[in-house]
């Protein structure tokens, strides 16, 4: 799988998230968001590529804010493994409200 090896910087691996296997898995996320948040995304529904980019940005923010080289190391990492769909949904809603997405 492309990009599955760990990066030394600790940041997210964009080739992994934009790869075909991950894109196929993000298709379920995309359809779930379309079903449950229809009123927010009906004008401009997210694609699997845009969701992959959003996840990479979220993971990079997490690494910058809470990682090894964070300015305030007292904070811990966000538990993305718990409810990753909820995290992505909240990000999509936030971006929709900010008219960025």
PDB file of N, CA and C in Angstrom:
ATOM      1  N   UNK A   1       0.854  -1.172   0.000  1.00  0.00           N
ATOM      2  CA  UNK A   1       0.000   0.000   0.000  1.00  0.00           C
ATOM      3  C   UNK A   1       0.898   1.232   0.000  1.00  0.00           C
ATOM      4  N   UNK A   2       0.624   2.146  -0.866  1.00  0.00           N
ATOM      5  CA  UNK A   2       1.442   3.348  -0.994  1.00  0.00           C
ATOM      6  C   UNK A   2       1.249   4.258   0.206  1.00  0.00           C
ATOM      7  N   UNK A   3       2.360   4.690   0.759  1.00  0.00           N
ATOM      8  CA  UNK A   3       2.293   5.655   1.846  1.00  0.00           C
ATOM      9  C   UNK A   3       1.936   5.060   3.193  1.00  0.00           C
ATOM     10  N   UNK A   4       1.970   3.716   3.308  1.00  0.00           N
ATOM     11  CA  UNK A   4       1.591   3.129   4.588  1.00  0.00           C
ATOM     12  C   UNK A   4       2.735   3.141   5.591  1.00  0.00           C
ATOM     13  N   UNK A   5       3.967   3.411   5.124  1.00  0.00           N
ATOM     14  CA  UNK A   5       5.081   3.470   6.054  1.00  0.00           C
ATOM     15  C   UNK A   5       5.002   4.761   6.866  1.00  0.00           C
ATOM     16  N   UNK A   6       5.529   4.693   8.091  1.00  0.00           N
ATOM     17  CA  UNK A   6       5.452   5.835   8.999  1.00  0.00           C
ATOM     18  C   UNK A   6       6.425   6.920   8.585  1.00  0.00           C
ATOM     19  N   UNK A   7       6.004   8.145   8.699  1.00  0.00           N
ATOM     20  CA  UNK A   7       6.866   9.283   8.390  1.00  0.00           C
ATOM     21  C   UNK A   7       7.671   9.646   9.620  1.00  0.00           C
ATOM     22  N   UNK A   8       8.886  10.060   9.406  1.00  0.00           N
ATOM     23  CA  UNK A   8       9.751  10.429  10.524  1.00  0.00           C
ATOM     24  C   UNK A   8       9.302  11.740  11.179  1.00  0.00           C
ATOM     25  N   UNK A   9       8.624  12.592  10.428  1.00  0.00           N
ATOM     26  CA  UNK A   9       8.162  13.864  10.978  1.00  0.00           C
ATOM     27  C   UNK A   9       6.950  13.694  11.884  1.00  0.00           C
ATOM     28  N   UNK A  10       6.278  12.557  11.786  1.00  0.00           N
ATOM     29  CA  UNK A  10       5.100  12.334  12.596  1.00  0.00           C
ATOM     30  C   UNK A  10       3.822  12.873  11.981  1.00  0.00           C
ATOM     31  N   UNK A  11       3.928  13.568  10.856  1.00  0.00           N
ATOM     32  CA  UNK A  11       2.754  14.121  10.198  1.00  0.00           C
ATOM     33  C   UNK A  11       1.994  13.074   9.401  1.00  0.00           C
ATOM     34  N   UNK A  12       0.845  13.440   8.880  1.00  0.00           N
ATOM     35  CA  UNK A  12       0.041  12.489   8.104  1.00  0.00           C
ATOM     36  C   UNK A  12       0.680  12.188   6.754  1.00  0.00           C
ATOM     37  N   UNK A  13       0.369  11.037   6.225  1.00  0.00           N
ATOM     38  CA  UNK A  13       0.870  10.616   4.927  1.00  0.00           C
ATOM     39  C   UNK A  13      -0.209  10.891   3.879  1.00  0.00           C
ATOM     40  N   UNK A  14      -0.055  11.977   3.144  1.00  0.00           N
ATOM     41  CA  UNK A  14      -1.050  12.356   2.135  1.00  0.00           C
ATOM     42  C   UNK A  14      -1.224  11.290   1.058  1.00  0.00           C
ATOM     43  N   UNK A  15      -0.158  10.645   0.559  1.00  0.00           N
ATOM     44  CA  UNK A  15      -0.368   9.600  -0.455  1.00  0.00           C
ATOM     45  C   UNK A  15      -1.239   8.451   0.050  1.00  0.00           C
ATOM     46  N   UNK A  16      -1.141   8.122   1.339  1.00  0.00           N
ATOM     47  CA  UNK A  16      -1.994   7.074   1.891  1.00  0.00           C
ATOM     48  C   UNK A  16      -3.460   7.499   1.845  1.00  0.00           C
ATOM     49  N   UNK A  17      -3.751   8.708   2.314  1.00  0.00           N
ATOM     50  CA  UNK A  17      -5.136   9.168   2.390  1.00  0.00           C
ATOM     51  C   UNK A  17      -5.728   9.423   1.009  1.00  0.00           C
ATOM     52  N   UNK A  18      -4.903   9.723   0.026  1.00  0.00           N
ATOM     53  CA  UNK A  18      -5.406   9.966  -1.325  1.00  0.00           C
ATOM     54  C   UNK A  18      -5.332   8.727  -2.202  1.00  0.00           C
ATOM     55  N   UNK A  19      -4.869   7.610  -1.649  1.00  0.00           N
ATOM     56  CA  UNK A  19      -4.755   6.361  -2.396  1.00  0.00           C
ATOM     57  C   UNK A  19      -6.111   5.751  -2.709  1.00  0.00           C
ATOM     58  N   UNK A  20      -6.147   4.835  -3.679  1.00  0.00           N
ATOM     59  CA  UNK A  20      -7.429   4.243  -4.105  1.00  0.00           C
ATOM     60  C   UNK A  20      -8.109   3.400  -3.027  1.00  0.00           C
ATOM     61  N   UNK A  21      -7.327   2.690  -2.189  1.00  0.00           N
ATOM     62  CA  UNK A  21      -7.950   1.867  -1.145  1.00  0.00           C
ATOM     63  C   UNK A  21      -8.637   2.744  -0.098  1.00  0.00           C
ATOM     64  N   UNK A  22      -7.955   3.804   0.296  1.00  0.00           N
ATOM     65  CA  UNK A  22      -8.533   4.704   1.295  1.00  0.00           C
ATOM     66  C   UNK A  22      -9.702   5.472   0.708  1.00  0.00           C
ATOM     67  N   UNK A  23      -9.593   5.859  -0.565  1.00  0.00           N
ATOM     68  CA  UNK A  23     -10.699   6.570  -1.222  1.00  0.00           C
ATOM     69  C   UNK A  23     -11.950   5.697  -1.259  1.00  0.00           C
ATOM     70  N   UNK A  24     -11.768   4.403  -1.475  1.00  0.00           N
ATOM     71  CA  UNK A  24     -12.912   3.491  -1.481  1.00  0.00           C
ATOM     72  C   UNK A  24     -13.561   3.430  -0.101  1.00  0.00           C
ATOM     73  N   UNK A  25     -12.748   3.482   0.950  1.00  0.00           N
ATOM     74  CA  UNK A  25     -13.305   3.467   2.296  1.00  0.00           C
ATOM     75  C   UNK A  25     -13.957   4.801   2.649  1.00  0.00           C
ATOM     76  N   UNK A  26     -13.411   5.892   2.128  1.00  0.00           N
ATOM     77  CA  UNK A  26     -14.011   7.208   2.383  1.00  0.00           C
ATOM     78  C   UNK A  26     -15.333   7.396   1.639  1.00  0.00           C
ATOM     79  N   UNK A  27     -15.587   6.551   0.656  1.00  0.00           N
ATOM     80  CA  UNK A  27     -16.868   6.616  -0.053  1.00  0.00           C
ATOM     81  C   UNK A  27     -18.026   6.363   0.904  1.00  0.00           C
ATOM     82  N   UNK A  28     -17.836   5.440   1.847  1.00  0.00           N
ATOM     83  CA  UNK A  28     -18.875   5.176   2.855  1.00  0.00           C
ATOM     84  C   UNK A  28     -19.078   6.400   3.746  1.00  0.00           C
ATOM     85  N   UNK A  29     -18.000   7.083   4.083  1.00  0.00           N
ATOM     86  CA  UNK A  29     -18.091   8.299   4.897  1.00  0.00           C
ATOM     87  C   UNK A  29     -18.833   9.383   4.119  1.00  0.00           C
ATOM     88  N   UNK A  30     -18.487   9.528   2.838  1.00  0.00           N
ATOM     89  CA  UNK A  30     -19.124  10.535   1.994  1.00  0.00           C
ATOM     90  C   UNK A  30     -20.632  10.295   1.898  1.00  0.00           C
ATOM     91  N   UNK A  31     -21.027   9.050   1.700  1.00  0.00           N
ATOM     92  CA  UNK A  31     -22.463   8.762   1.591  1.00  0.00           C
ATOM     93  C   UNK A  31     -23.161   8.948   2.945  1.00  0.00           C
ATOM     94  N   UNK A  32     -22.485   8.624   4.053  1.00  0.00           N
ATOM     95  CA  UNK A  32     -23.068   8.828   5.364  1.00  0.00           C
ATOM     96  C   UNK A  32     -23.287  10.316   5.627  1.00  0.00           C
ATOM     97  N   UNK A  33     -22.307  11.136   5.293  1.00  0.00           N
ATOM     98  CA  UNK A  33     -22.447  12.585   5.472  1.00  0.00           C
ATOM     99  C   UNK A  33     -23.588  13.103   4.608  1.00  0.00           C
ATOM    100  N   UNK A  34     -23.677  12.628   3.368  1.00  0.00           N
ATOM    101  CA  UNK A  34     -24.756  13.047   2.487  1.00  0.00           C
ATOM    102  C   UNK A  34     -26.127  12.660   3.011  1.00  0.00           C
ATOM    103  N   UNK A  35     -26.206  11.522   3.681  1.00  0.00           N
ATOM    104  CA  UNK A  35     -27.482  11.045   4.210  1.00  0.00           C
ATOM    105  C   UNK A  35     -27.882  11.777   5.495  1.00  0.00           C
ATOM    106  N   UNK A  36     -26.935  11.972   6.403  1.00  0.00           N
ATOM    107  CA  UNK A  36     -27.254  12.538   7.710  1.00  0.00           C
ATOM    108  C   UNK A  36     -27.135  14.061   7.794  1.00  0.00           C
ATOM    109  N   UNK A  37     -26.397  14.657   6.891  1.00  0.00           N
ATOM    110  CA  UNK A  37     -26.208  16.112   6.912  1.00  0.00           C
ATOM    111  C   UNK A  37     -26.600  16.711   5.563  1.00  0.00           C
ATOM    112  N   UNK A  38     -27.694  16.211   5.028  1.00  0.00           N
ATOM    113  CA  UNK A  38     -28.130  16.592   3.690  1.00  0.00           C
ATOM    114  C   UNK A  38     -28.349  18.093   3.542  1.00  0.00           C
ATOM    115  N   UNK A  39     -28.964  18.721   4.537  1.00  0.00           N
ATOM    116  CA  UNK A  39     -29.264  20.148   4.402  1.00  0.00           C
ATOM    117  C   UNK A  39     -28.001  21.002   4.384  1.00  0.00           C
ATOM    118  N   UNK A  40     -26.900  20.485   4.949  1.00  0.00           N
ATOM    119  CA  UNK A  40     -25.664  21.254   4.966  1.00  0.00           C
ATOM    120  C   UNK A  40     -24.820  21.053   3.707  1.00  0.00           C
ATOM    121  N   UNK A  41     -24.930  19.891   3.087  1.00  0.00           N
ATOM    122  CA  UNK A  41     -24.045  19.584   1.968  1.00  0.00           C
ATOM    123  C   UNK A  41     -24.769  19.388   0.639  1.00  0.00           C
ATOM    124  N   UNK A  42     -26.074  19.647   0.587  1.00  0.00           N
ATOM    125  CA  UNK A  42     -26.793  19.380  -0.649  1.00  0.00           C
ATOM    126  C   UNK A  42     -26.365  20.310  -1.779  1.00  0.00           C
ATOM    127  N   UNK A  43     -25.939  21.507  -1.488  1.00  0.00           N
ATOM    128  CA  UNK A  43     -25.509  22.435  -2.540  1.00  0.00           C
ATOM    129  C   UNK A  43     -24.165  22.023  -3.124  1.00  0.00           C
ATOM    130  N   UNK A  44     -23.254  21.571  -2.273  1.00  0.00           N
ATOM    131  CA  UNK A  44     -21.919  21.182  -2.725  1.00  0.00           C
ATOM    132  C   UNK A  44     -21.468  19.977  -1.913  1.00  0.00           C
ATOM    133  N   UNK A  45     -21.835  18.792  -2.367  1.00  0.00           N
ATOM    134  CA  UNK A  45     -21.511  17.569  -1.647  1.00  0.00           C
ATOM    135  C   UNK A  45     -20.008  17.300  -1.708  1.00  0.00           C
ATOM    136  N   UNK A  46     -19.425  16.826  -0.601  1.00  0.00           N
ATOM    137  CA  UNK A  46     -17.985  16.556  -0.589  1.00  0.00           C
ATOM    138  C   UNK A  46     -17.637  15.336  -1.433  1.00  0.00           C
ATOM    139  N   UNK A  47     -16.464  15.357  -2.027  1.00  0.00           N
ATOM    140  CA  UNK A  47     -15.963  14.203  -2.768  1.00  0.00           C
ATOM    141  C   UNK A  47     -15.022  13.424  -1.859  1.00  0.00           C
ATOM    142  N   UNK A  48     -14.668  12.230  -2.268  1.00  0.00           N
ATOM    143  CA  UNK A  48     -13.739  11.445  -1.457  1.00  0.00           C
ATOM    144  C   UNK A  48     -12.367  12.112  -1.429  1.00  0.00           C
ATOM    145  N   UNK A  49     -11.993  12.783  -2.505  1.00  0.00           N
ATOM    146  CA  UNK A  49     -10.702  13.478  -2.537  1.00  0.00           C
ATOM    147  C   UNK A  49     -10.698  14.659  -1.559  1.00  0.00           C
ATOM    148  N   UNK A  50     -11.804  15.404  -1.507  1.00  0.00           N
ATOM    149  CA  UNK A  50     -11.860  16.530  -0.579  1.00  0.00           C
ATOM    150  C   UNK A  50     -11.917  16.046   0.867  1.00  0.00           C
ATOM    151  N   UNK A  51     -12.575  14.910   1.120  1.00  0.00           N
ATOM    152  CA  UNK A  51     -12.587  14.343   2.470  1.00  0.00           C
ATOM    153  C   UNK A  51     -11.190  13.871   2.865  1.00  0.00           C
ATOM    154  N   UNK A  52     -10.465  13.292   1.927  1.00  0.00           N
ATOM    155  CA  UNK A  52      -9.090  12.867   2.207  1.00  0.00           C
ATOM    156  C   UNK A  52      -8.229  14.074   2.556  1.00  0.00           C
ATOM    157  N   UNK A  53      -8.393  15.162   1.818  1.00  0.00           N
ATOM    158  CA  UNK A  53      -7.651  16.381   2.122  1.00  0.00           C
ATOM    159  C   UNK A  53      -8.014  16.938   3.479  1.00  0.00           C
ATOM    160  N   UNK A  54      -9.291  16.856   3.833  1.00  0.00           N
ATOM    161  CA  UNK A  54      -9.749  17.330   5.135  1.00  0.00           C
ATOM    162  C   UNK A  54      -9.156  16.504   6.267  1.00  0.00           C
ATOM    163  N   UNK A  55      -9.092  15.188   6.083  1.00  0.00           N
ATOM    164  CA  UNK A  55      -8.505  14.319   7.102  1.00  0.00           C
ATOM    165  C   UNK A  55      -7.016  14.624   7.257  1.00  0.00           C
ATOM    166  N   UNK A  56      -6.314  14.840   6.144  1.00  0.00           N
ATOM    167  CA  UNK A  56      -4.891  15.173   6.206  1.00  0.00           C
ATOM    168  C   UNK A  56      -4.701  16.489   6.962  1.00  0.00           C
ATOM    169  N   UNK A  57      -5.545  17.471   6.680  1.00  0.00           N
ATOM    170  CA  UNK A  57      -5.443  18.753   7.389  1.00  0.00           C
ATOM    171  C   UNK A  57      -5.738  18.592   8.873  1.00  0.00           C
ATOM    172  N   UNK A  58      -6.735  17.781   9.211  1.00  0.00           N
ATOM    173  CA  UNK A  58      -7.082  17.546  10.607  1.00  0.00           C
ATOM    174  C   UNK A  58      -5.937  16.849  11.336  1.00  0.00           C
ATOM    175  N   UNK A  59      -5.354  15.826  10.713  1.00  0.00           N
ATOM    176  CA  UNK A  59      -4.239  15.122  11.335  1.00  0.00           C
ATOM    177  C   UNK A  59      -3.006  16.012  11.453  1.00  0.00           C
ATOM    178  N   UNK A  60      -2.769  16.871  10.457  1.00  0.00           N
ATOM    179  CA  UNK A  60      -1.629  17.781  10.528  1.00  0.00           C
ATOM    180  C   UNK A  60      -1.826  18.804  11.641  1.00  0.00           C
ATOM    181  N   UNK A  61      -3.046  19.307  11.778  1.00  0.00           N
ATOM    182  CA  UNK A  61      -3.340  20.224  12.889  1.00  0.00           C
ATOM    183  C   UNK A  61      -3.099  19.533  14.225  1.00  0.00           C
ATOM    184  N   UNK A  62      -3.572  18.294  14.328  1.00  0.00           N
ATOM    185  CA  UNK A  62      -3.392  17.540  15.561  1.00  0.00           C
ATOM    186  C   UNK A  62      -1.911  17.366  15.859  1.00  0.00           C
ATOM    187  N   UNK A  63      -1.121  17.058  14.852  1.00  0.00           N
ATOM    188  CA  UNK A  63       0.314  16.880  15.061  1.00  0.00           C
ATOM    189  C   UNK A  63       0.980  18.199  15.441  1.00  0.00           C
ATOM    190  N   UNK A  64       0.587  19.298  14.781  1.00  0.00           N
ATOM    191  CA  UNK A  64       1.173  20.607  15.095  1.00  0.00           C
ATOM    192  C   UNK A  64       0.801  21.074  16.496  1.00  0.00           C
ATOM    193  N   UNK A  65      -0.451  20.853  16.889  1.00  0.00           N
ATOM    194  CA  UNK A  65      -0.939  21.358  18.171  1.00  0.00           C
ATOM    195  C   UNK A  65      -0.585  20.451  19.345  1.00  0.00           C
ATOM    196  N   UNK A  66      -0.560  19.136  19.105  1.00  0.00           N
ATOM    197  CA  UNK A  66      -0.413  18.216  20.222  1.00  0.00           C
ATOM    198  C   UNK A  66       0.743  17.235  20.068  1.00  0.00           C
ATOM    199  N   UNK A  67       1.502  17.319  18.999  1.00  0.00           N
ATOM    200  CA  UNK A  67       2.565  16.355  18.715  1.00  0.00           C
ATOM    201  C   UNK A  67       3.823  16.563  19.535  1.00  0.00           C
ATOM    202  N   UNK A  68       4.871  15.842  19.122  1.00  0.00           N
ATOM    203  CA  UNK A  68       6.146  15.897  19.840  1.00  0.00           C
ATOM    204  C   UNK A  68       6.744  17.291  19.868  1.00  0.00           C
ATOM    205  N   UNK A  69       6.596  18.019  18.770  1.00  0.00           N
ATOM    206  CA  UNK A  69       7.205  19.348  18.668  1.00  0.00           C
ATOM    207  C   UNK A  69       6.208  20.473  18.956  1.00  0.00           C
ATOM    208  N   UNK A  70       5.154  20.167  19.681  1.00  0.00           N
ATOM    209  CA  UNK A  70       4.143  21.175  20.004  1.00  0.00           C
ATOM    210  C   UNK A  70       4.703  22.193  20.987  1.00  0.00           C
ATOM    211  N   UNK A  71       4.176  23.410  20.910  1.00  0.00           N
ATOM    212  CA  UNK A  71       4.639  24.462  21.815  1.00  0.00           C
ATOM    213  C   UNK A  71       4.128  24.254  23.231  1.00  0.00           C
ATOM    214  N   UNK A  72       2.993  23.580  23.375  1.00  0.00           N
ATOM    215  CA  UNK A  72       2.437  23.291  24.695  1.00  0.00           C
ATOM    216  C   UNK A  72       2.274  21.776  24.824  1.00  0.00           C
ATOM    217  N   UNK A  73       3.326  21.058  25.215  1.00  0.00           N
ATOM    218  CA  UNK A  73       3.255  19.597  25.256  1.00  0.00           C
ATOM    219  C   UNK A  73       2.393  19.035  26.382  1.00  0.00           C
ATOM    220  N   UNK A  74       1.826  19.888  27.216  1.00  0.00           N
ATOM    221  CA  UNK A  74       0.980  19.404  28.296  1.00  0.00           C
ATOM    222  C   UNK A  74      -0.315  18.797  27.764  1.00  0.00           C
ATOM    223  N   UNK A  75      -0.745  19.250  26.605  1.00  0.00           N
ATOM    224  CA  UNK A  75      -1.975  18.728  26.021  1.00  0.00           C
ATOM    225  C   UNK A  75      -1.726  17.343  25.426  1.00  0.00           C
ATOM    226  N   UNK A  76      -2.762  16.553  25.355  1.00  0.00           N
ATOM    227  CA  UNK A  76      -2.641  15.225  24.758  1.00  0.00           C
ATOM    228  C   UNK A  76      -3.303  15.214  23.396  1.00  0.00           C
ATOM    229  N   UNK A  77      -3.059  14.155  22.636  1.00  0.00           N
ATOM    230  CA  UNK A  77      -3.640  14.042  21.304  1.00  0.00           C
ATOM    231  C   UNK A  77      -5.137  13.766  21.395  1.00  0.00           C
ATOM    232  N   UNK A  78      -5.851  14.221  20.389  1.00  0.00           N
ATOM    233  CA  UNK A  78      -7.274  13.942  20.304  1.00  0.00           C
ATOM    234  C   UNK A  78      -7.483  12.471  19.969  1.00  0.00           C
ATOM    235  N   UNK A  79      -8.474  11.822  20.547  1.00  0.00           N
ATOM    236  CA  UNK A  79      -8.705  10.410  20.251  1.00  0.00           C
ATOM    237  C   UNK A  79      -9.455  10.240  18.926  1.00  0.00           C
ATOM    238  N   UNK A  80      -8.736  10.330  17.827  1.00  0.00           N
ATOM    239  CA  UNK A  80      -9.375  10.227  16.518  1.00  0.00           C
ATOM    240  C   UNK A  80      -9.903   8.825  16.276  1.00  0.00           C
ATOM    241  N   UNK A  81      -9.301   7.829  16.921  1.00  0.00           N
ATOM    242  CA  UNK A  81      -9.774   6.466  16.727  1.00  0.00           C
ATOM    243  C   UNK A  81     -11.178   6.266  17.299  1.00  0.00           C
ATOM    244  N   UNK A  82     -11.584   7.142  18.197  1.00  0.00           N
ATOM    245  CA  UNK A  82     -12.939   7.079  18.732  1.00  0.00           C
ATOM    246  C   UNK A  82     -13.816   7.990  17.880  1.00  0.00           C
ATOM    247  N   UNK A  83     -14.704   7.401  17.142  1.00  0.00           N
ATOM    248  CA  UNK A  83     -15.645   8.144  16.317  1.00  0.00           C
ATOM    249  C   UNK A  83     -14.970   8.998  15.240  1.00  0.00           C
ATOM    250  N   UNK A  84     -14.183   8.405  14.346  1.00  0.00           N
ATOM    251  CA  UNK A  84     -13.550   9.218  13.303  1.00  0.00           C
ATOM    252  C   UNK A  84     -14.585   9.840  12.374  1.00  0.00           C
ATOM    253  N   UNK A  85     -15.700   9.161  12.183  1.00  0.00           N
ATOM    254  CA  UNK A  85     -16.748   9.699  11.326  1.00  0.00           C
ATOM    255  C   UNK A  85     -17.323  10.976  11.914  1.00  0.00           C
ATOM    256  N   UNK A  86     -17.463  11.019  13.227  1.00  0.00           N
ATOM    257  CA  UNK A  86     -17.965  12.210  13.899  1.00  0.00           C
ATOM    258  C   UNK A  86     -16.997  13.367  13.738  1.00  0.00           C
ATOM    259  N   UNK A  87     -15.697  13.091  13.858  1.00  0.00           N
ATOM    260  CA  UNK A  87     -14.690  14.144  13.688  1.00  0.00           C
ATOM    261  C   UNK A  87     -14.746  14.733  12.288  1.00  0.00           C
ATOM    262  N   UNK A  88     -14.840  13.873  11.290  1.00  0.00           N
ATOM    263  CA  UNK A  88     -14.907  14.350   9.906  1.00  0.00           C
ATOM    264  C   UNK A  88     -16.206  15.108   9.680  1.00  0.00           C
ATOM    265  N   UNK A  89     -17.312  14.625  10.246  1.00  0.00           N
ATOM    266  CA  UNK A  89     -18.599  15.301  10.081  1.00  0.00           C
ATOM    267  C   UNK A  89     -18.566  16.699  10.665  1.00  0.00           C
ATOM    268  N   UNK A  90     -17.998  16.829  11.846  1.00  0.00           N
ATOM    269  CA  UNK A  90     -17.905  18.137  12.487  1.00  0.00           C
ATOM    270  C   UNK A  90     -17.039  19.074  11.653  1.00  0.00           C
ATOM    271  N   UNK A  91     -15.950  18.553  11.103  1.00  0.00           N
ATOM    272  CA  UNK A  91     -15.085  19.379  10.251  1.00  0.00           C
ATOM    273  C   UNK A  91     -15.822  19.845   9.008  1.00  0.00           C
ATOM    274  N   UNK A  92     -16.581  18.953   8.385  1.00  0.00           N
ATOM    275  CA  UNK A  92     -17.341  19.327   7.187  1.00  0.00           C
ATOM    276  C   UNK A  92     -18.370  20.391   7.524  1.00  0.00           C
ATOM    277  N   UNK A  93     -19.079  20.223   8.630  1.00  0.00           N
ATOM    278  CA  UNK A  93     -20.074  21.219   9.028  1.00  0.00           C
ATOM    279  C   UNK A  93     -19.425  22.565   9.316  1.00  0.00           C
ATOM    280  N   UNK A  94     -18.287  22.548   9.987  1.00  0.00           N
ATOM    281  CA  UNK A  94     -17.581  23.786  10.274  1.00  0.00           C
ATOM    282  C   UNK A  94     -17.167  24.507   8.989  1.00  0.00           C
ATOM    283  N   UNK A  95     -16.614  23.745   8.052  1.00  0.00           N
ATOM    284  CA  UNK A  95     -16.182  24.343   6.796  1.00  0.00           C
ATOM    285  C   UNK A  95     -17.375  24.870   5.992  1.00  0.00           C
ATOM    286  N   UNK A  96     -18.518  24.157   6.059  1.00  0.00           N
ATOM    287  CA  UNK A  96     -19.711  24.634   5.371  1.00  0.00           C
ATOM    288  C   UNK A  96     -20.179  25.958   5.965  1.00  0.00           C
ATOM    289  N   UNK A  97     -20.152  26.049   7.294  1.00  0.00           N
ATOM    290  CA  UNK A  97     -20.588  27.283   7.955  1.00  0.00           C
ATOM    291  C   UNK A  97     -19.653  28.445   7.660  1.00  0.00           C
ATOM    292  N   UNK A  98     -18.378  28.148   7.467  1.00  0.00           N
ATOM    293  CA  UNK A  98     -17.399  29.181   7.154  1.00  0.00           C
ATOM    294  C   UNK A  98     -17.348  29.485   5.666  1.00  0.00           C
ATOM    295  N   UNK A  99     -18.136  28.790   4.873  1.00  0.00           N
ATOM    296  CA  UNK A  99     -18.183  28.948   3.404  1.00  0.00           C
ATOM    297  C   UNK A  99     -16.821  28.715   2.773  1.00  0.00           C
ATOM    298  N   UNK A 100     -16.052  27.813   3.346  1.00  0.00           N
ATOM    299  CA  UNK A 100     -14.747  27.477   2.819  1.00  0.00           C
ATOM    300  C   UNK A 100     -14.836  26.258   1.940  1.00  0.00           C
ATOM    301  N   UNK A 101     -15.755  25.383   2.233  1.00  0.00           N
ATOM    302  CA  UNK A 101     -15.836  24.083   1.589  1.00  0.00           C
ATOM    303  C   UNK A 101     -16.850  24.103   0.481  1.00  0.00           C
TER     304      UNK A 101
END
